Amino acid sequence: MKDEEMKGVHSPMTLTKIETEEQFNELLQNDTVLFFKHSLTCPVSAEAFEEYQTFIAEHSQLATAYLAVQEARPLSNYIAETFDIKHQSPQAIFFKQGKPTWNDSHWRIKNESLTENLPK
């Protein structure tokens, strides 16, 4: 796993970037997970990624990771096929006990929508 330092309005935190099915399946061992698909070249994805960062800064106990679509296309396809979720980027997906409970993409990825759809 690769970690990157997030610096911004919130205190610095570590974000986990994953690239393999094994890493993803390990992540799903957590009860509740937020997973983010990020495009490194899309301005909409950059804005959604900022919303994702804001949300996880406010929910630091939540298991989360992201992938960069350009670097981990096989994993992105695996998630789409395994869970029957149409691939999009940016895309946020909540999982509860290994099953997707909510997903959305593009401009609809906001701190507010993530907060409203956080599995209980």
N, C-alpha and C. Protein backbone atom coordinates (compact mmCIF):
# COMPACT_ATOMS: atom_id res chain seq x y z
N MET A 1 0.84 -1.18 0.00
CA MET A 1 0.00 0.00 0.00
C MET A 1 0.88 1.24 0.00
N LYS A 2 0.39 2.25 -0.68
CA LYS A 2 1.11 3.50 -0.71
C LYS A 2 0.33 4.52 0.11
N ASP A 3 1.04 5.28 0.90
CA ASP A 3 0.39 6.31 1.71
C ASP A 3 0.83 7.68 1.21
N GLU A 4 -0.08 8.60 1.22
CA GLU A 4 0.22 9.97 0.84
C GLU A 4 -0.25 10.89 1.95
N GLU A 5 0.48 11.95 2.17
CA GLU A 5 0.14 12.92 3.20
C GLU A 5 -0.88 13.91 2.65
N MET A 6 -1.97 14.11 3.36
CA MET A 6 -2.96 15.10 2.98
C MET A 6 -2.70 16.35 3.81
N LYS A 7 -2.57 17.46 3.13
CA LYS A 7 -2.40 18.73 3.84
C LYS A 7 -3.48 19.66 3.33
N GLY A 8 -4.09 20.36 4.21
CA GLY A 8 -5.15 21.26 3.81
C GLY A 8 -5.76 21.91 5.02
N VAL A 9 -7.06 22.12 4.96
CA VAL A 9 -7.74 22.82 6.04
C VAL A 9 -7.79 21.99 7.31
N HIS A 10 -7.68 20.67 7.18
CA HIS A 10 -7.72 19.80 8.35
C HIS A 10 -6.30 19.42 8.73
N SER A 11 -6.15 18.84 9.88
CA SER A 11 -4.82 18.40 10.30
C SER A 11 -4.32 17.33 9.33
N PRO A 12 -2.98 17.23 9.17
CA PRO A 12 -2.43 16.25 8.24
C PRO A 12 -2.88 14.84 8.61
N MET A 13 -3.16 14.05 7.60
CA MET A 13 -3.54 12.67 7.81
C MET A 13 -3.00 11.82 6.68
N THR A 14 -2.97 10.55 6.88
CA THR A 14 -2.46 9.64 5.87
C THR A 14 -3.61 9.03 5.10
N LEU A 15 -3.51 9.08 3.78
CA LEU A 15 -4.48 8.44 2.91
C LEU A 15 -3.86 7.17 2.35
N THR A 16 -4.62 6.11 2.28
CA THR A 16 -4.11 4.84 1.78
C THR A 16 -4.58 4.62 0.35
N LYS A 17 -3.61 4.46 -0.54
CA LYS A 17 -3.90 4.15 -1.94
C LYS A 17 -3.63 2.67 -2.15
N ILE A 18 -4.58 1.97 -2.74
CA ILE A 18 -4.38 0.54 -2.99
C ILE A 18 -4.46 0.27 -4.49
N GLU A 19 -3.88 -0.87 -4.89
CA GLU A 19 -3.81 -1.18 -6.31
C GLU A 19 -4.15 -2.63 -6.64
N THR A 20 -4.35 -3.49 -5.63
CA THR A 20 -4.56 -4.91 -5.91
C THR A 20 -5.86 -5.43 -5.30
N GLU A 21 -6.34 -6.53 -5.86
CA GLU A 21 -7.53 -7.18 -5.32
C GLU A 21 -7.29 -7.64 -3.89
N GLU A 22 -6.09 -8.12 -3.61
CA GLU A 22 -5.77 -8.59 -2.26
C GLU A 22 -5.88 -7.46 -1.24
N GLN A 23 -5.35 -6.29 -1.58
CA GLN A 23 -5.44 -5.14 -0.68
C GLN A 23 -6.90 -4.73 -0.48
N PHE A 24 -7.66 -4.73 -1.56
CA PHE A 24 -9.07 -4.36 -1.48
C PHE A 24 -9.84 -5.34 -0.60
N ASN A 25 -9.64 -6.63 -0.82
CA ASN A 25 -10.34 -7.64 -0.02
C ASN A 25 -9.95 -7.58 1.45
N GLU A 26 -8.70 -7.22 1.72
CA GLU A 26 -8.26 -7.02 3.11
C GLU A 26 -9.00 -5.84 3.72
N LEU A 27 -9.15 -4.76 2.96
CA LEU A 27 -9.88 -3.58 3.42
C LEU A 27 -11.32 -3.94 3.79
N LEU A 28 -11.93 -4.81 2.98
CA LEU A 28 -13.33 -5.18 3.22
C LEU A 28 -13.53 -6.03 4.47
N GLN A 29 -12.46 -6.43 5.12
CA GLN A 29 -12.58 -7.16 6.39
C GLN A 29 -13.09 -6.24 7.50
N ASN A 30 -13.00 -4.93 7.29
CA ASN A 30 -13.55 -3.96 8.24
C ASN A 30 -15.08 -3.95 8.12
N ASP A 31 -15.77 -3.62 9.21
CA ASP A 31 -17.23 -3.61 9.22
C ASP A 31 -17.79 -2.60 8.23
N THR A 32 -17.28 -1.37 8.27
CA THR A 32 -17.75 -0.30 7.40
C THR A 32 -16.56 0.30 6.67
N VAL A 33 -16.71 0.47 5.36
CA VAL A 33 -15.61 0.95 4.52
C VAL A 33 -16.13 2.00 3.55
N LEU A 34 -15.33 3.04 3.35
CA LEU A 34 -15.57 3.98 2.26
C LEU A 34 -14.43 3.81 1.26
N PHE A 35 -14.79 3.53 0.01
CA PHE A 35 -13.79 3.37 -1.04
C PHE A 35 -14.02 4.43 -2.10
N PHE A 36 -12.92 5.01 -2.60
CA PHE A 36 -13.00 6.10 -3.56
C PHE A 36 -12.19 5.77 -4.81
N LYS A 37 -12.82 5.90 -5.97
CA LYS A 37 -12.12 5.76 -7.25
C LYS A 37 -11.82 7.16 -7.76
N HIS A 38 -10.54 7.42 -8.01
CA HIS A 38 -10.07 8.76 -8.34
C HIS A 38 -9.38 8.77 -9.70
N SER A 39 -9.72 9.74 -10.51
CA SER A 39 -9.02 9.97 -11.77
C SER A 39 -8.01 11.08 -11.56
N LEU A 40 -6.76 10.80 -11.92
CA LEU A 40 -5.69 11.77 -11.72
C LEU A 40 -5.74 12.93 -12.71
N THR A 41 -6.56 12.82 -13.76
CA THR A 41 -6.56 13.83 -14.82
C THR A 41 -7.87 14.61 -14.92
N CYS A 42 -8.84 14.29 -14.09
CA CYS A 42 -10.17 14.89 -14.21
C CYS A 42 -10.37 15.96 -13.14
N PRO A 43 -10.71 17.19 -13.55
CA PRO A 43 -10.95 18.24 -12.55
C PRO A 43 -12.16 17.96 -11.66
N VAL A 44 -13.18 17.29 -12.17
CA VAL A 44 -14.33 16.92 -11.34
C VAL A 44 -13.87 15.95 -10.25
N SER A 45 -13.01 15.00 -10.63
CA SER A 45 -12.49 14.04 -9.66
C SER A 45 -11.65 14.75 -8.60
N ALA A 46 -10.89 15.75 -9.00
CA ALA A 46 -10.08 16.50 -8.03
C ALA A 46 -10.97 17.16 -6.98
N GLU A 47 -12.09 17.73 -7.42
CA GLU A 47 -13.02 18.36 -6.46
C GLU A 47 -13.68 17.31 -5.56
N ALA A 48 -14.08 16.19 -6.15
CA ALA A 48 -14.70 15.12 -5.36
C ALA A 48 -13.70 14.55 -4.36
N PHE A 49 -12.43 14.45 -4.76
CA PHE A 49 -11.39 13.93 -3.87
C PHE A 49 -11.22 14.85 -2.66
N GLU A 50 -11.35 16.16 -2.87
CA GLU A 50 -11.29 17.11 -1.74
C GLU A 50 -12.47 16.87 -0.79
N GLU A 51 -13.65 16.63 -1.33
CA GLU A 51 -14.82 16.33 -0.49
C GLU A 51 -14.58 15.04 0.30
N TYR A 52 -14.03 14.03 -0.36
CA TYR A 52 -13.68 12.76 0.29
C TYR A 52 -12.70 13.00 1.43
N GLN A 53 -11.68 13.80 1.20
CA GLN A 53 -10.68 14.11 2.23
C GLN A 53 -11.33 14.82 3.41
N THR A 54 -12.22 15.76 3.14
CA THR A 54 -12.91 16.46 4.21
C THR A 54 -13.73 15.49 5.04
N PHE A 55 -14.45 14.61 4.36
CA PHE A 55 -15.28 13.63 5.06
C PHE A 55 -14.44 12.72 5.94
N ILE A 56 -13.36 12.16 5.41
CA ILE A 56 -12.58 11.22 6.22
C ILE A 56 -11.84 11.92 7.35
N ALA A 57 -11.54 13.20 7.18
CA ALA A 57 -10.93 13.94 8.28
C ALA A 57 -11.92 14.05 9.45
N GLU A 58 -13.21 14.12 9.13
CA GLU A 58 -14.25 14.22 10.15
C GLU A 58 -14.69 12.85 10.68
N HIS A 59 -14.28 11.79 10.01
CA HIS A 59 -14.66 10.42 10.38
C HIS A 59 -13.40 9.55 10.41
N SER A 60 -12.46 9.94 11.23
CA SER A 60 -11.14 9.31 11.23
C SER A 60 -11.16 7.84 11.65
N GLN A 61 -12.24 7.40 12.30
CA GLN A 61 -12.34 6.01 12.72
C GLN A 61 -12.75 5.09 11.57
N LEU A 62 -13.20 5.65 10.46
CA LEU A 62 -13.72 4.88 9.34
C LEU A 62 -12.59 4.28 8.51
N ALA A 63 -12.72 3.00 8.17
CA ALA A 63 -11.76 2.36 7.27
C ALA A 63 -11.99 2.91 5.86
N THR A 64 -10.92 3.35 5.21
CA THR A 64 -11.06 3.93 3.88
C THR A 64 -9.78 3.76 3.09
N ALA A 65 -9.93 3.77 1.79
CA ALA A 65 -8.80 3.74 0.87
C ALA A 65 -9.30 4.24 -0.48
N TYR A 66 -8.36 4.51 -1.37
CA TYR A 66 -8.73 4.94 -2.71
C TYR A 66 -7.82 4.28 -3.72
N LEU A 67 -8.24 4.35 -4.98
CA LEU A 67 -7.37 3.93 -6.07
C LEU A 67 -7.31 5.06 -7.09
N ALA A 68 -6.21 5.13 -7.80
CA ALA A 68 -6.07 6.01 -8.94
C ALA A 68 -6.38 5.15 -10.17
N VAL A 69 -7.44 5.49 -10.87
CA VAL A 69 -7.92 4.66 -11.97
C VAL A 69 -6.82 4.40 -13.00
N GLN A 70 -6.03 5.42 -13.30
CA GLN A 70 -4.98 5.26 -14.30
C GLN A 70 -3.91 4.25 -13.87
N GLU A 71 -3.77 4.04 -12.58
CA GLU A 71 -2.73 3.14 -12.06
C GLU A 71 -3.28 1.78 -11.64
N ALA A 72 -4.58 1.67 -11.50
CA ALA A 72 -5.17 0.43 -10.96
C ALA A 72 -6.45 0.06 -11.70
N ARG A 73 -6.43 0.14 -13.01
CA ARG A 73 -7.62 -0.18 -13.80
C ARG A 73 -8.12 -1.61 -13.56
N PRO A 74 -7.23 -2.62 -13.45
CA PRO A 74 -7.73 -3.97 -13.17
C PRO A 74 -8.53 -4.05 -11.86
N LEU A 75 -8.08 -3.36 -10.82
CA LEU A 75 -8.81 -3.35 -9.55
C LEU A 75 -10.15 -2.64 -9.72
N SER A 76 -10.15 -1.53 -10.42
CA SER A 76 -11.39 -0.80 -10.66
C SER A 76 -12.40 -1.69 -11.38
N ASN A 77 -11.94 -2.41 -12.40
CA ASN A 77 -12.82 -3.32 -13.13
C ASN A 77 -13.31 -4.47 -12.24
N TYR A 78 -12.41 -4.99 -11.41
CA TYR A 78 -12.77 -6.07 -10.48
C TYR A 78 -13.91 -5.64 -9.56
N ILE A 79 -13.82 -4.44 -9.01
CA ILE A 79 -14.86 -3.94 -8.11
C ILE A 79 -16.18 -3.79 -8.87
N ALA A 80 -16.12 -3.21 -10.07
CA ALA A 80 -17.34 -3.03 -10.87
C ALA A 80 -18.00 -4.37 -11.18
N GLU A 81 -17.21 -5.35 -11.58
CA GLU A 81 -17.76 -6.65 -11.95
C GLU A 81 -18.22 -7.45 -10.74
N THR A 82 -17.43 -7.45 -9.68
CA THR A 82 -17.75 -8.26 -8.50
C THR A 82 -19.02 -7.78 -7.82
N PHE A 83 -19.20 -6.47 -7.76
CA PHE A 83 -20.33 -5.91 -7.01
C PHE A 83 -21.43 -5.35 -7.91
N ASP A 84 -21.29 -5.55 -9.23
CA ASP A 84 -22.28 -5.08 -10.19
C ASP A 84 -22.57 -3.59 -10.02
N ILE A 85 -21.50 -2.83 -9.91
CA ILE A 85 -21.58 -1.38 -9.79
C ILE A 85 -20.90 -0.79 -11.02
N LYS A 86 -21.65 -0.09 -11.84
CA LYS A 86 -21.09 0.51 -13.06
C LYS A 86 -19.87 1.36 -12.70
N HIS A 87 -18.76 1.14 -13.41
CA HIS A 87 -17.55 1.92 -13.15
C HIS A 87 -17.77 3.38 -13.52
N GLN A 88 -17.36 4.25 -12.62
CA GLN A 88 -17.31 5.68 -12.89
C GLN A 88 -16.12 6.23 -12.12
N SER A 89 -15.64 7.36 -12.57
CA SER A 89 -14.63 8.05 -11.76
C SER A 89 -14.82 9.54 -11.98
N PRO A 90 -14.89 10.25 -10.88
CA PRO A 90 -14.75 9.76 -9.52
C PRO A 90 -15.98 8.96 -9.09
N GLN A 91 -15.76 8.12 -8.10
CA GLN A 91 -16.85 7.31 -7.56
C GLN A 91 -16.56 7.00 -6.10
N ALA A 92 -17.57 7.15 -5.26
CA ALA A 92 -17.47 6.80 -3.84
C ALA A 92 -18.42 5.64 -3.58
N ILE A 93 -17.93 4.65 -2.82
CA ILE A 93 -18.74 3.47 -2.51
C ILE A 93 -18.62 3.16 -1.02
N PHE A 94 -19.76 3.06 -0.35
CA PHE A 94 -19.77 2.57 1.03
C PHE A 94 -20.02 1.07 1.01
N PHE A 95 -19.29 0.36 1.88
CA PHE A 95 -19.50 -1.07 2.09
C PHE A 95 -19.80 -1.30 3.56
N LYS A 96 -20.72 -2.21 3.82
CA LYS A 96 -21.05 -2.63 5.19
C LYS A 96 -20.98 -4.15 5.19
N GLN A 97 -20.12 -4.69 6.03
CA GLN A 97 -19.92 -6.13 6.13
C GLN A 97 -19.66 -6.76 4.76
N GLY A 98 -18.81 -6.07 3.97
CA GLY A 98 -18.37 -6.59 2.69
C GLY A 98 -19.31 -6.41 1.52
N LYS A 99 -20.46 -5.73 1.75
CA LYS A 99 -21.43 -5.53 0.69
C LYS A 99 -21.65 -4.04 0.46
N PRO A 100 -21.77 -3.63 -0.81
CA PRO A 100 -22.01 -2.21 -1.08
C PRO A 100 -23.39 -1.78 -0.59
N THR A 101 -23.43 -0.62 0.05
CA THR A 101 -24.70 -0.08 0.54
C THR A 101 -25.10 1.20 -0.18
N TRP A 102 -24.13 1.87 -0.81
CA TRP A 102 -24.39 3.14 -1.47
C TRP A 102 -23.22 3.45 -2.37
N ASN A 103 -23.49 4.06 -3.52
CA ASN A 103 -22.42 4.60 -4.35
C ASN A 103 -22.95 5.78 -5.13
N ASP A 104 -22.06 6.68 -5.44
CA ASP A 104 -22.42 7.82 -6.27
C ASP A 104 -21.16 8.33 -6.95
N SER A 105 -21.35 9.28 -7.85
CA SER A 105 -20.20 9.72 -8.64
C SER A 105 -20.28 11.21 -8.97
N HIS A 106 -19.20 11.68 -9.51
CA HIS A 106 -19.04 13.03 -10.04
C HIS A 106 -19.45 14.10 -9.03
N TRP A 107 -20.27 15.06 -9.48
CA TRP A 107 -20.61 16.22 -8.64
C TRP A 107 -21.43 15.84 -7.41
N ARG A 108 -21.98 14.64 -7.39
CA ARG A 108 -22.81 14.24 -6.25
C ARG A 108 -21.99 13.76 -5.05
N ILE A 109 -20.67 13.66 -5.23
CA ILE A 109 -19.81 13.27 -4.10
C ILE A 109 -19.49 14.53 -3.31
N LYS A 110 -20.19 14.69 -2.22
CA LYS A 110 -20.02 15.85 -1.33
C LYS A 110 -19.90 15.33 0.10
N ASN A 111 -19.28 16.12 0.94
CA ASN A 111 -19.18 15.76 2.35
C ASN A 111 -20.58 15.47 2.91
N GLU A 112 -21.55 16.29 2.52
CA GLU A 112 -22.91 16.13 3.03
C GLU A 112 -23.52 14.80 2.58
N SER A 113 -23.36 14.44 1.29
CA SER A 113 -23.95 13.19 0.81
C SER A 113 -23.25 11.98 1.42
N LEU A 114 -21.95 12.09 1.65
CA LEU A 114 -21.23 11.00 2.31
C LEU A 114 -21.73 10.85 3.75
N THR A 115 -21.90 11.97 4.44
CA THR A 115 -22.38 11.93 5.82
C THR A 115 -23.78 11.32 5.90
N GLU A 116 -24.67 11.74 4.98
CA GLU A 116 -26.04 11.24 4.98
C GLU A 116 -26.12 9.74 4.70
N ASN A 117 -25.18 9.22 3.93
CA ASN A 117 -25.24 7.82 3.49
C ASN A 117 -24.28 6.89 4.22
N LEU A 118 -23.58 7.41 5.23
CA LEU A 118 -22.68 6.58 6.03
C LEU A 118 -23.49 5.46 6.67
N PRO A 119 -23.13 4.20 6.40
CA PRO A 119 -23.90 3.09 6.99
C PRO A 119 -23.86 3.14 8.51
N LYS A 120 -24.98 2.81 9.12
CA LYS A 120 -25.09 2.80 10.59
C LYS A 120 -24.61 1.48 11.14
